[in-house]
Amino acid sequence: MKYVMSLNLFSSSSGFLITASTPNVEEESEEKKVYVELNLRNSHVYSILDFKEQDGHRLILIGSTHETSPMNESQCMRNVFCKTQLYHGKQLNHMEASEFNGANNLQQYKSCRALCLHVKERQKFEFEVVKKRSTTFKSLILNIHKRTTKNDCGELVQSFSQHGDQLTTEPIFLDPGTYTLFFVCCGCFEGLSLEWIVRSPTPLDGDSMYFNMLPDSDFAVSLQAMIAKNGLKEKNEKDEVVIYKWFKNKYAFFMVENLSETNHLQVSRLEWCRLGSVPPMSRRIVAKFSVSAADRPEDFEMKFIRLSFKRISV
């Protein structure tokens, strides 16, 4: 329980949401009867929001996209603590932690190393990153961010990309400060092994370098910042949508930004007929695929239809 509570605190501070899912059970089974008594849906995902211990019970606060429990009950019902006055009117339940044991899988948190560089005086650098093994993804991207107080990644200073298993940057001058270097490989970090080489014509005695384990969400934010800065931008003021296209090194990224402060943006990918959602005031990469050297961004068009909700087709 202590591990789960610490994981929840860590995930919340890193921008992740832990979820627990119930398996699909047959309608006439004993498991289904228990689900009915507990006001649970089968084959349903619940977001884990918080944990606490009360009267000897280890409780999980869960949120659901569907209302399944009485709104004003506070009594305990088969280890399910329904909404109290504290959570009145919200779609939240307290559940016994043991109810999830053996029935749910916690997806392993993914992280990857980023190179951090502290520069004491302005000087010139060259960076080289060699992909030793793992992912077959050939479009390599290295983003250099300067730390600020505004966000976790910091300001995107420069971005480099190459096709193959090795990326070598052009010479770049870095001012005094602390920088984070994100090697972006579309989140394919499992088993990834990298060799980093840092070159400078002047001694690095006053500088320091170290590796930091960062969540893959930071790498995704870095990639989004690169696409927004270097990609082609198409803005639709009426529908509060911005479409970004980035083409380089035989690869293409399409990203959608939802400028609405209140409405979600529903996204559909025609080739797979899958739906996704872009929350208000946020971005999402909706498509990435290989392209030929002859392909150009203007050859690809994104169409969207605004219904009672917003829908985009790629």
C-alpha atoms as a PDB file:
ATOM      1  CA  MET A   1       0.000   0.000   0.000  1.00  0.00           C
ATOM      2  CA  LYS A   2       2.868   2.389   0.813  1.00  0.00           C
ATOM      3  CA  TYR A   3       4.353   1.676  -2.627  1.00  0.00           C
ATOM      4  CA  VAL A   4       1.044   2.416  -4.359  1.00  0.00           C
ATOM      5  CA  MET A   5       0.582   5.644  -2.395  1.00  0.00           C
ATOM      6  CA  SER A   6       4.112   6.827  -3.219  1.00  0.00           C
ATOM      7  CA  LEU A   7       3.577   5.866  -6.871  1.00  0.00           C
ATOM      8  CA  ASN A   8       0.369   7.911  -6.936  1.00  0.00           C
ATOM      9  CA  LEU A   9       2.181  10.955  -5.515  1.00  0.00           C
ATOM     10  CA  PHE A  10       5.019  10.517  -8.017  1.00  0.00           C
ATOM     11  CA  SER A  11       2.688  10.057 -10.969  1.00  0.00           C
ATOM     12  CA  SER A  12       0.582  13.088 -10.025  1.00  0.00           C
ATOM     13  CA  SER A  13       3.648  15.332  -9.825  1.00  0.00           C
ATOM     14  CA  SER A  14       4.808  14.004 -13.224  1.00  0.00           C
ATOM     15  CA  GLY A  15       1.498  14.600 -14.979  1.00  0.00           C
ATOM     16  CA  PHE A  16       0.380  10.956 -15.097  1.00  0.00           C
ATOM     17  CA  LEU A  17      -2.936   9.424 -14.089  1.00  0.00           C
ATOM     18  CA  ILE A  18      -3.075   5.922 -12.590  1.00  0.00           C
ATOM     19  CA  THR A  19      -6.044   3.827 -13.660  1.00  0.00           C
ATOM     20  CA  ALA A  20      -7.533   0.500 -12.602  1.00  0.00           C
ATOM     21  CA  SER A  21      -9.692  -1.595 -14.905  1.00  0.00           C
ATOM     22  CA  THR A  22     -12.282  -4.250 -14.184  1.00  0.00           C
ATOM     23  CA  PRO A  23     -12.269  -7.394 -16.358  1.00  0.00           C
ATOM     24  CA  ASN A  24     -15.083  -8.390 -18.681  1.00  0.00           C
ATOM     25  CA  VAL A  25     -17.312 -10.941 -16.920  1.00  0.00           C
ATOM     26  CA  GLU A  26     -20.325 -12.939 -18.071  1.00  0.00           C
ATOM     27  CA  GLU A  27     -23.769 -11.566 -17.310  1.00  0.00           C
ATOM     28  CA  GLU A  28     -24.948 -14.539 -15.209  1.00  0.00           C
ATOM     29  CA  SER A  29     -21.677 -15.113 -13.352  1.00  0.00           C
ATOM     30  CA  GLU A  30     -21.045 -14.666  -9.636  1.00  0.00           C
ATOM     31  CA  GLU A  31     -18.534 -11.946 -10.453  1.00  0.00           C
ATOM     32  CA  LYS A  32     -21.244  -9.981 -12.243  1.00  0.00           C
ATOM     33  CA  LYS A  33     -23.481 -10.182  -9.177  1.00  0.00           C
ATOM     34  CA  VAL A  34     -20.682  -8.795  -7.026  1.00  0.00           C
ATOM     35  CA  TYR A  35     -20.165  -5.972  -9.505  1.00  0.00           C
ATOM     36  CA  VAL A  36     -23.858  -5.084  -9.311  1.00  0.00           C
ATOM     37  CA  GLU A  37     -23.700  -5.006  -5.507  1.00  0.00           C
ATOM     38  CA  LEU A  38     -20.608  -2.806  -5.638  1.00  0.00           C
ATOM     39  CA  ASN A  39     -22.048  -0.471  -8.267  1.00  0.00           C
ATOM     40  CA  LEU A  40     -19.172  -1.313 -10.604  1.00  0.00           C
ATOM     41  CA  ARG A  41     -19.182  -1.759 -14.354  1.00  0.00           C
ATOM     42  CA  ASN A  42     -17.386  -4.668 -15.940  1.00  0.00           C
ATOM     43  CA  SER A  43     -14.743  -3.980 -18.578  1.00  0.00           C
ATOM     44  CA  HIS A  44     -14.521  -0.397 -17.337  1.00  0.00           C
ATOM     45  CA  VAL A  45     -11.586   1.853 -16.466  1.00  0.00           C
ATOM     46  CA  TYR A  46     -11.575   3.930 -13.281  1.00  0.00           C
ATOM     47  CA  SER A  47      -9.090   6.695 -12.554  1.00  0.00           C
ATOM     48  CA  ILE A  48      -7.265   6.386  -9.218  1.00  0.00           C
ATOM     49  CA  LEU A  49      -7.231   9.823  -7.617  1.00  0.00           C
ATOM     50  CA  ASP A  50      -6.137   9.329  -4.014  1.00  0.00           C
ATOM     51  CA  PHE A  51      -5.621   6.841  -1.152  1.00  0.00           C
ATOM     52  CA  LYS A  52      -6.426   6.849   2.552  1.00  0.00           C
ATOM     53  CA  GLU A  53      -6.869   4.544   5.557  1.00  0.00           C
ATOM     54  CA  GLN A  54     -10.075   4.747   7.590  1.00  0.00           C
ATOM     55  CA  ASP A  55     -11.409   2.444  10.331  1.00  0.00           C
ATOM     56  CA  GLY A  56      -8.959  -0.282   9.379  1.00  0.00           C
ATOM     57  CA  HIS A  57      -9.856  -0.103   5.690  1.00  0.00           C
ATOM     58  CA  ARG A  58      -7.359   0.822   2.986  1.00  0.00           C
ATOM     59  CA  LEU A  59      -9.394   2.905   0.563  1.00  0.00           C
ATOM     60  CA  ILE A  60      -8.878   4.058  -2.993  1.00  0.00           C
ATOM     61  CA  LEU A  61     -10.628   7.161  -4.294  1.00  0.00           C
ATOM     62  CA  ILE A  62     -11.723   6.420  -7.847  1.00  0.00           C
ATOM     63  CA  GLY A  63     -13.379   8.529 -10.515  1.00  0.00           C
ATOM     64  CA  SER A  64     -15.643   7.258 -13.257  1.00  0.00           C
ATOM     65  CA  THR A  65     -16.961   8.675 -16.501  1.00  0.00           C
ATOM     66  CA  HIS A  66     -20.395   7.270 -15.639  1.00  0.00           C
ATOM     67  CA  GLU A  67     -22.513   7.805 -12.553  1.00  0.00           C
ATOM     68  CA  THR A  68     -23.171   4.418 -10.938  1.00  0.00           C
ATOM     69  CA  SER A  69     -23.717   5.093  -7.239  1.00  0.00           C
ATOM     70  CA  PRO A  70     -26.210   6.982  -5.040  1.00  0.00           C
ATOM     71  CA  MET A  71     -25.431  10.665  -4.790  1.00  0.00           C
ATOM     72  CA  ASN A  72     -26.002  11.226  -1.078  1.00  0.00           C
ATOM     73  CA  GLU A  73     -25.224   7.954   0.696  1.00  0.00           C
ATOM     74  CA  SER A  74     -22.373   7.805   3.195  1.00  0.00           C
ATOM     75  CA  GLN A  75     -22.723   4.251   4.549  1.00  0.00           C
ATOM     76  CA  CYS A  76     -20.319   1.461   3.707  1.00  0.00           C
ATOM     77  CA  MET A  77     -21.668  -1.086   1.213  1.00  0.00           C
ATOM     78  CA  ARG A  78     -19.507  -4.148   0.605  1.00  0.00           C
ATOM     79  CA  ASN A  79     -16.289  -2.202   1.114  1.00  0.00           C
ATOM     80  CA  VAL A  80     -17.476   0.543  -1.212  1.00  0.00           C
ATOM     81  CA  PHE A  81     -17.651   3.980   0.398  1.00  0.00           C
ATOM     82  CA  CYS A  82     -20.057   6.048  -1.653  1.00  0.00           C
ATOM     83  CA  LYS A  83     -19.917   9.788  -1.937  1.00  0.00           C
ATOM     84  CA  THR A  84     -19.760  11.708   1.308  1.00  0.00           C
ATOM     85  CA  GLN A  85     -20.647  15.342   1.787  1.00  0.00           C
ATOM     86  CA  LEU A  86     -17.027  16.174   0.948  1.00  0.00           C
ATOM     87  CA  TYR A  87     -17.453  14.756  -2.542  1.00  0.00           C
ATOM     88  CA  HIS A  88     -21.138  15.533  -2.934  1.00  0.00           C
ATOM     89  CA  GLY A  89     -22.117  16.080  -6.557  1.00  0.00           C
ATOM     90  CA  LYS A  90     -18.898  14.657  -8.000  1.00  0.00           C
ATOM     91  CA  GLN A  91     -18.412  11.324  -9.732  1.00  0.00           C
ATOM     92  CA  LEU A  92     -16.135   9.870  -7.054  1.00  0.00           C
ATOM     93  CA  ASN A  93     -16.158   6.655  -4.982  1.00  0.00           C
ATOM     94  CA  HIS A  94     -14.031   5.248  -2.196  1.00  0.00           C
ATOM     95  CA  MET A  95     -13.231   1.561  -2.661  1.00  0.00           C
ATOM     96  CA  GLU A  96     -11.353  -1.051  -0.690  1.00  0.00           C
ATOM     97  CA  ALA A  97      -7.860  -1.545  -2.121  1.00  0.00           C
ATOM     98  CA  SER A  98      -8.224  -5.337  -1.958  1.00  0.00           C
ATOM     99  CA  GLU A  99     -11.065  -5.195  -4.477  1.00  0.00           C
ATOM    100  CA  PHE A 100      -8.506  -4.518  -7.199  1.00  0.00           C
ATOM    101  CA  ASN A 101      -6.061  -7.265  -6.204  1.00  0.00           C
ATOM    102  CA  GLY A 102      -5.730  -9.932  -8.871  1.00  0.00           C
ATOM    103  CA  ALA A 103      -8.123  -8.134 -11.174  1.00  0.00           C
ATOM    104  CA  ASN A 104      -6.143  -5.185 -12.475  1.00  0.00           C
ATOM    105  CA  ASN A 105      -2.735  -4.563 -13.972  1.00  0.00           C
ATOM    106  CA  LEU A 106      -0.701  -1.448 -13.345  1.00  0.00           C
ATOM    107  CA  GLN A 107       1.125  -0.420 -16.498  1.00  0.00           C
ATOM    108  CA  GLN A 108       4.772   0.167 -15.766  1.00  0.00           C
ATOM    109  CA  TYR A 109       5.831   3.778 -15.653  1.00  0.00           C
ATOM    110  CA  LYS A 110       8.189   4.561 -18.515  1.00  0.00           C
ATOM    111  CA  SER A 111      11.156   6.840 -18.225  1.00  0.00           C
ATOM    112  CA  CYS A 112      14.346   7.599 -20.094  1.00  0.00           C
ATOM    113  CA  ARG A 113      17.609   9.376 -19.438  1.00  0.00           C
ATOM    114  CA  ALA A 114      18.114  12.953 -20.540  1.00  0.00           C
ATOM    115  CA  LEU A 115      21.489  14.655 -20.553  1.00  0.00           C
ATOM    116  CA  CYS A 116      21.699  17.726 -18.319  1.00  0.00           C
ATOM    117  CA  LEU A 117      24.436  20.281 -18.945  1.00  0.00           C
ATOM    118  CA  HIS A 118      25.351  23.222 -16.733  1.00  0.00           C
ATOM    119  CA  VAL A 119      27.294  25.880 -18.659  1.00  0.00           C
ATOM    120  CA  LYS A 120      29.318  28.398 -16.667  1.00  0.00           C
ATOM    121  CA  GLU A 121      30.522  30.602 -19.549  1.00  0.00           C
ATOM    122  CA  ARG A 122      29.331  31.032 -23.128  1.00  0.00           C
ATOM    123  CA  GLN A 123      31.071  28.505 -25.359  1.00  0.00           C
ATOM    124  CA  LYS A 124      30.661  26.312 -28.425  1.00  0.00           C
ATOM    125  CA  PHE A 125      29.447  22.706 -28.295  1.00  0.00           C
ATOM    126  CA  GLU A 126      28.893  19.803 -30.641  1.00  0.00           C
ATOM    127  CA  PHE A 127      26.820  16.796 -29.627  1.00  0.00           C
ATOM    128  CA  GLU A 128      26.722  13.296 -31.043  1.00  0.00           C
ATOM    129  CA  VAL A 129      24.248  10.584 -30.080  1.00  0.00           C
ATOM    130  CA  VAL A 130      24.623   7.009 -31.327  1.00  0.00           C
ATOM    131  CA  LYS A 131      21.715   4.571 -31.051  1.00  0.00           C
ATOM    132  CA  LYS A 132      23.318   1.272 -30.094  1.00  0.00           C
ATOM    133  CA  ARG A 133      20.288  -1.022 -30.080  1.00  0.00           C
ATOM    134  CA  SER A 134      16.500  -1.309 -29.723  1.00  0.00           C
ATOM    135  CA  THR A 135      13.969   0.677 -31.735  1.00  0.00           C
ATOM    136  CA  THR A 136      14.008   0.541 -35.525  1.00  0.00           C
ATOM    137  CA  PHE A 137      12.767   4.136 -35.650  1.00  0.00           C
ATOM    138  CA  LYS A 138      15.216   5.959 -37.943  1.00  0.00           C
ATOM    139  CA  SER A 139      14.157   9.602 -37.617  1.00  0.00           C
ATOM    140  CA  LEU A 140      16.325  10.807 -34.738  1.00  0.00           C
ATOM    141  CA  ILE A 141      15.616  14.091 -32.992  1.00  0.00           C
ATOM    142  CA  LEU A 142      17.690  15.917 -30.391  1.00  0.00           C
ATOM    143  CA  ASN A 143      16.052  18.872 -28.634  1.00  0.00           C
ATOM    144  CA  ILE A 144      18.022  21.261 -26.426  1.00  0.00           C
ATOM    145  CA  HIS A 145      15.968  23.071 -23.768  1.00  0.00           C
ATOM    146  CA  LYS A 146      17.144  25.790 -21.411  1.00  0.00           C
ATOM    147  CA  ARG A 147      15.642  25.477 -17.971  1.00  0.00           C
ATOM    148  CA  THR A 148      13.126  28.098 -16.913  1.00  0.00           C
ATOM    149  CA  THR A 149      10.616  28.441 -14.109  1.00  0.00           C
ATOM    150  CA  LYS A 150       7.657  28.273 -16.510  1.00  0.00           C
ATOM    151  CA  ASN A 151       7.570  24.535 -17.226  1.00  0.00           C
ATOM    152  CA  ASP A 152       9.439  21.284 -16.699  1.00  0.00           C
ATOM    153  CA  CYS A 153      11.164  21.100 -20.076  1.00  0.00           C
ATOM    154  CA  GLY A 154      12.135  24.742 -20.357  1.00  0.00           C
ATOM    155  CA  GLU A 155      12.562  26.866 -23.456  1.00  0.00           C
ATOM    156  CA  LEU A 156      13.378  25.034 -26.687  1.00  0.00           C
ATOM    157  CA  VAL A 157      16.691  26.556 -27.818  1.00  0.00           C
ATOM    158  CA  GLN A 158      17.625  24.368 -30.769  1.00  0.00           C
ATOM    159  CA  SER A 159      16.536  21.147 -32.448  1.00  0.00           C
ATOM    160  CA  PHE A 160      18.504  18.744 -34.646  1.00  0.00           C
ATOM    161  CA  SER A 161      17.282  15.749 -36.629  1.00  0.00           C
ATOM    162  CA  GLN A 162      18.882  13.114 -38.826  1.00  0.00           C
ATOM    163  CA  HIS A 163      17.905   9.817 -40.447  1.00  0.00           C
ATOM    164  CA  GLY A 164      19.747   6.695 -39.353  1.00  0.00           C
ATOM    165  CA  ASP A 165      21.307   5.350 -36.157  1.00  0.00           C
ATOM    166  CA  GLN A 166      23.542   8.332 -35.394  1.00  0.00           C
ATOM    167  CA  LEU A 167      22.857  12.029 -34.933  1.00  0.00           C
ATOM    168  CA  THR A 168      25.598  14.668 -35.044  1.00  0.00           C
ATOM    169  CA  THR A 169      24.728  18.290 -34.434  1.00  0.00           C
ATOM    170  CA  GLU A 170      26.170  21.402 -35.994  1.00  0.00           C
ATOM    171  CA  PRO A 171      28.277  23.633 -33.715  1.00  0.00           C
ATOM    172  CA  ILE A 172      26.079  25.630 -31.339  1.00  0.00           C
ATOM    173  CA  PHE A 173      26.915  28.353 -28.831  1.00  0.00           C
ATOM    174  CA  LEU A 174      25.257  27.993 -25.415  1.00  0.00           C
ATOM    175  CA  ASP A 175      24.993  30.871 -22.963  1.00  0.00           C
ATOM    176  CA  PRO A 176      25.490  30.352 -19.219  1.00  0.00           C
ATOM    177  CA  GLY A 177      22.685  28.310 -17.694  1.00  0.00           C
ATOM    178  CA  THR A 178      21.373  24.786 -17.293  1.00  0.00           C
ATOM    179  CA  TYR A 179      20.225  22.814 -20.331  1.00  0.00           C
ATOM    180  CA  THR A 180      18.367  19.530 -20.798  1.00  0.00           C
ATOM    181  CA  LEU A 181      19.003  17.491 -23.944  1.00  0.00           C
ATOM    182  CA  PHE A 182      16.094  15.279 -24.998  1.00  0.00           C
ATOM    183  CA  PHE A 183      16.823  12.514 -27.486  1.00  0.00           C
ATOM    184  CA  VAL A 184      13.338  11.945 -28.899  1.00  0.00           C
ATOM    185  CA  CYS A 185      12.511   8.608 -30.437  1.00  0.00           C
ATOM    186  CA  CYS A 186       8.677   8.638 -30.393  1.00  0.00           C
ATOM    187  CA  GLY A 187       8.560   7.140 -26.916  1.00  0.00           C
ATOM    188  CA  CYS A 188      10.262   3.891 -28.015  1.00  0.00           C
ATOM    189  CA  PHE A 189      12.509   3.818 -24.938  1.00  0.00           C
ATOM    190  CA  GLU A 190      12.318   0.161 -23.922  1.00  0.00           C
ATOM    191  CA  GLY A 191      15.757  -1.427 -24.267  1.00  0.00           C
ATOM    192  CA  LEU A 192      17.117   1.740 -25.862  1.00  0.00           C
ATOM    193  CA  SER A 193      20.875   2.171 -25.466  1.00  0.00           C
ATOM    194  CA  LEU A 194      22.580   5.446 -26.373  1.00  0.00           C
ATOM    195  CA  GLU A 195      26.159   6.635 -26.544  1.00  0.00           C
ATOM    196  CA  TRP A 196      26.609  10.358 -25.901  1.00  0.00           C
ATOM    197  CA  ILE A 197      29.617  12.386 -27.083  1.00  0.00           C
ATOM    198  CA  VAL A 198      30.087  16.053 -26.132  1.00  0.00           C
ATOM    199  CA  ARG A 199      32.757  18.104 -27.895  1.00  0.00           C
ATOM    200  CA  SER A 200      33.990  21.650 -27.277  1.00  0.00           C
ATOM    201  CA  PRO A 201      37.082  23.542 -28.516  1.00  0.00           C
ATOM    202  CA  THR A 202      37.538  24.962 -25.009  1.00  0.00           C
ATOM    203  CA  PRO A 203      38.078  23.063 -21.722  1.00  0.00           C
ATOM    204  CA  LEU A 204      34.942  22.022 -19.833  1.00  0.00           C
ATOM    205  CA  ASP A 205      36.488  22.419 -16.397  1.00  0.00           C
ATOM    206  CA  GLY A 206      33.865  24.870 -15.174  1.00  0.00           C
ATOM    207  CA  ASP A 207      30.929  22.965 -16.660  1.00  0.00           C
ATOM    208  CA  SER A 208      29.121  19.916 -15.315  1.00  0.00           C
ATOM    209  CA  MET A 209      27.187  17.117 -17.006  1.00  0.00           C
ATOM    210  CA  TYR A 210      24.935  14.429 -15.582  1.00  0.00           C
ATOM    211  CA  PHE A 211      22.043  12.189 -16.616  1.00  0.00           C
ATOM    212  CA  ASN A 212      18.555  12.583 -15.188  1.00  0.00           C
ATOM    213  CA  MET A 213      15.708  10.071 -15.410  1.00  0.00           C
ATOM    214  CA  LEU A 214      12.635  11.901 -16.708  1.00  0.00           C
ATOM    215  CA  PRO A 215       9.098  10.660 -17.495  1.00  0.00           C
ATOM    216  CA  ASP A 216       8.268  10.033 -21.129  1.00  0.00           C
ATOM    217  CA  SER A 217       5.658  12.783 -20.840  1.00  0.00           C
ATOM    218  CA  ASP A 218       8.530  15.311 -20.748  1.00  0.00           C
ATOM    219  CA  PHE A 219       9.903  13.835 -23.964  1.00  0.00           C
ATOM    220  CA  ALA A 220       6.443  14.121 -25.539  1.00  0.00           C
ATOM    221  CA  VAL A 221       6.218  17.783 -24.496  1.00  0.00           C
ATOM    222  CA  SER A 222       9.666  18.380 -25.991  1.00  0.00           C
ATOM    223  CA  LEU A 223       8.604  16.787 -29.283  1.00  0.00           C
ATOM    224  CA  GLN A 224       5.413  18.864 -29.345  1.00  0.00           C
ATOM    225  CA  ALA A 225       7.407  22.041 -28.740  1.00  0.00           C
ATOM    226  CA  MET A 226       9.712  21.167 -31.644  1.00  0.00           C
ATOM    227  CA  ILE A 227       6.788  20.533 -34.013  1.00  0.00           C
ATOM    228  CA  ALA A 228       5.093  23.791 -32.968  1.00  0.00           C
ATOM    229  CA  LYS A 229       8.312  25.774 -33.513  1.00  0.00           C
ATOM    230  CA  ASN A 230       9.563  24.196 -36.749  1.00  0.00           C
ATOM    231  CA  GLY A 231       6.449  22.763 -38.415  1.00  0.00           C
ATOM    232  CA  LEU A 232       3.997  24.357 -40.841  1.00  0.00           C
ATOM    233  CA  LYS A 233       1.106  25.991 -39.005  1.00  0.00           C
ATOM    234  CA  GLU A 234      -2.519  26.232 -40.127  1.00  0.00           C
ATOM    235  CA  LYS A 235      -4.798  28.117 -37.754  1.00  0.00           C
ATOM    236  CA  ASN A 236      -8.598  28.083 -37.890  1.00  0.00           C
ATOM    237  CA  GLU A 237      -9.826  30.980 -35.760  1.00  0.00           C
ATOM    238  CA  LYS A 238     -13.500  30.038 -36.054  1.00  0.00           C
ATOM    239  CA  ASP A 239     -13.125  26.496 -34.758  1.00  0.00           C
ATOM    240  CA  GLU A 240     -10.253  27.307 -32.377  1.00  0.00           C
ATOM    241  CA  VAL A 241      -8.002  24.677 -33.936  1.00  0.00           C
ATOM    242  CA  VAL A 242      -4.347  24.801 -34.967  1.00  0.00           C
ATOM    243  CA  ILE A 243      -2.883  22.077 -37.208  1.00  0.00           C
ATOM    244  CA  TYR A 244       0.884  21.545 -37.374  1.00  0.00           C
ATOM    245  CA  LYS A 245       2.753  19.555 -40.049  1.00  0.00           C
ATOM    246  CA  TRP A 246       6.412  18.592 -39.696  1.00  0.00           C
ATOM    247  CA  PHE A 247       8.233  16.811 -42.535  1.00  0.00           C
ATOM    248  CA  LYS A 248      11.916  15.877 -42.404  1.00  0.00           C
ATOM    249  CA  ASN A 249      14.243  12.912 -42.878  1.00  0.00           C
ATOM    250  CA  LYS A 250      11.590  10.704 -44.505  1.00  0.00           C
ATOM    251  CA  TYR A 251       9.172  11.128 -41.623  1.00  0.00           C
ATOM    252  CA  ALA A 252       6.097  13.238 -40.903  1.00  0.00           C
ATOM    253  CA  PHE A 253       4.296  14.370 -37.757  1.00  0.00           C
ATOM    254  CA  PHE A 254       0.818  15.874 -37.566  1.00  0.00           C
ATOM    255  CA  MET A 255      -0.189  17.675 -34.382  1.00  0.00           C
ATOM    256  CA  VAL A 256      -3.462  19.313 -33.341  1.00  0.00           C
ATOM    257  CA  GLU A 257      -3.778  22.113 -30.789  1.00  0.00           C
ATOM    258  CA  ASN A 258      -7.123  22.801 -29.148  1.00  0.00           C
ATOM    259  CA  LEU A 259      -7.385  26.525 -28.355  1.00  0.00           C
ATOM    260  CA  SER A 260     -10.783  26.265 -26.694  1.00  0.00           C
ATOM    261  CA  GLU A 261     -10.815  26.968 -22.972  1.00  0.00           C
ATOM    262  CA  THR A 262     -13.822  24.716 -22.296  1.00  0.00           C
ATOM    263  CA  ASN A 263     -14.488  22.225 -25.119  1.00  0.00           C
ATOM    264  CA  HIS A 264     -12.691  18.980 -25.811  1.00  0.00           C
ATOM    265  CA  LEU A 265     -11.657  18.211 -29.372  1.00  0.00           C
ATOM    266  CA  GLN A 266     -12.570  14.802 -30.777  1.00  0.00           C
ATOM    267  CA  VAL A 267      -9.990  13.415 -33.209  1.00  0.00           C
ATOM    268  CA  SER A 268     -10.447  10.585 -35.725  1.00  0.00           C
ATOM    269  CA  ARG A 269      -7.763   8.839 -37.738  1.00  0.00           C
ATOM    270  CA  LEU A 270      -9.322   7.559 -40.922  1.00  0.00           C
ATOM    271  CA  GLU A 271      -6.755   4.885 -41.611  1.00  0.00           C
ATOM    272  CA  TRP A 272      -7.528   3.147 -38.307  1.00  0.00           C
ATOM    273  CA  CYS A 273     -10.946   4.626 -37.521  1.00  0.00           C
ATOM    274  CA  ARG A 274      -9.795   5.341 -33.986  1.00  0.00           C
ATOM    275  CA  LEU A 275     -10.954   8.233 -31.829  1.00  0.00           C
ATOM    276  CA  GLY A 276      -9.007  10.308 -29.372  1.00  0.00           C
ATOM    277  CA  SER A 277      -9.578  13.457 -27.390  1.00  0.00           C
ATOM    278  CA  VAL A 278      -7.578  16.677 -27.125  1.00  0.00           C
ATOM    279  CA  PRO A 279      -8.383  18.474 -23.835  1.00  0.00           C
ATOM    280  CA  PRO A 280      -8.942  22.232 -23.774  1.00  0.00           C
ATOM    281  CA  MET A 281      -5.829  24.390 -24.200  1.00  0.00           C
ATOM    282  CA  SER A 282      -3.568  21.441 -25.039  1.00  0.00           C
ATOM    283  CA  ARG A 283      -1.796  19.710 -27.936  1.00  0.00           C
ATOM    284  CA  ARG A 284      -1.710  16.159 -29.224  1.00  0.00           C
ATOM    285  CA  ILE A 285       0.284  14.385 -31.940  1.00  0.00           C
ATOM    286  CA  VAL A 286      -2.443  12.654 -33.950  1.00  0.00           C
ATOM    287  CA  ALA A 287      -0.420  11.012 -36.729  1.00  0.00           C
ATOM    288  CA  LYS A 288       3.154  10.006 -37.532  1.00  0.00           C
ATOM    289  CA  PHE A 289       4.308   7.962 -40.507  1.00  0.00           C
ATOM    290  CA  SER A 290       7.082   7.488 -43.065  1.00  0.00           C
ATOM    291  CA  VAL A 291       7.103   9.573 -46.235  1.00  0.00           C
ATOM    292  CA  SER A 292       9.188   9.567 -49.387  1.00  0.00           C
ATOM    293  CA  ALA A 293      11.674  12.252 -50.348  1.00  0.00           C
ATOM    294  CA  ALA A 294       9.208  13.526 -52.969  1.00  0.00           C
ATOM    295  CA  ASP A 295       6.362  14.048 -50.482  1.00  0.00           C
ATOM    296  CA  ARG A 296       5.658  17.599 -49.360  1.00  0.00           C
ATOM    297  CA  PRO A 297       3.549  18.925 -46.469  1.00  0.00           C
ATOM    298  CA  GLU A 298       1.091  20.543 -48.860  1.00  0.00           C
ATOM    299  CA  ASP A 299       0.394  17.107 -50.378  1.00  0.00           C
ATOM    300  CA  PHE A 300      -1.297  16.041 -47.137  1.00  0.00           C
ATOM    301  CA  GLU A 301      -4.523  17.635 -46.019  1.00  0.00           C
ATOM    302  CA  MET A 302      -6.312  17.443 -42.705  1.00  0.00           C
ATOM    303  CA  LYS A 303     -10.066  17.949 -42.786  1.00  0.00           C
ATOM    304  CA  PHE A 304     -12.315  18.509 -39.810  1.00  0.00           C
ATOM    305  CA  ILE A 305     -16.063  18.687 -39.409  1.00  0.00           C
ATOM    306  CA  ARG A 306     -17.577  20.718 -36.595  1.00  0.00           C
ATOM    307  CA  LEU A 307     -20.709  18.993 -35.263  1.00  0.00           C
ATOM    308  CA  SER A 308     -22.214  19.225 -31.792  1.00  0.00           C
ATOM    309  CA  PHE A 309     -18.705  18.292 -30.801  1.00  0.00           C
ATOM    310  CA  LYS A 310     -15.547  18.985 -32.792  1.00  0.00           C
ATOM    311  CA  ARG A 311     -14.220  16.184 -34.927  1.00  0.00           C
ATOM    312  CA  ILE A 312     -11.031  16.073 -36.986  1.00  0.00           C
ATOM    313  CA  SER A 313     -10.171  13.522 -39.671  1.00  0.00           C
ATOM    314  CA  VAL A 314      -6.573  12.814 -40.634  1.00  0.00           C
END
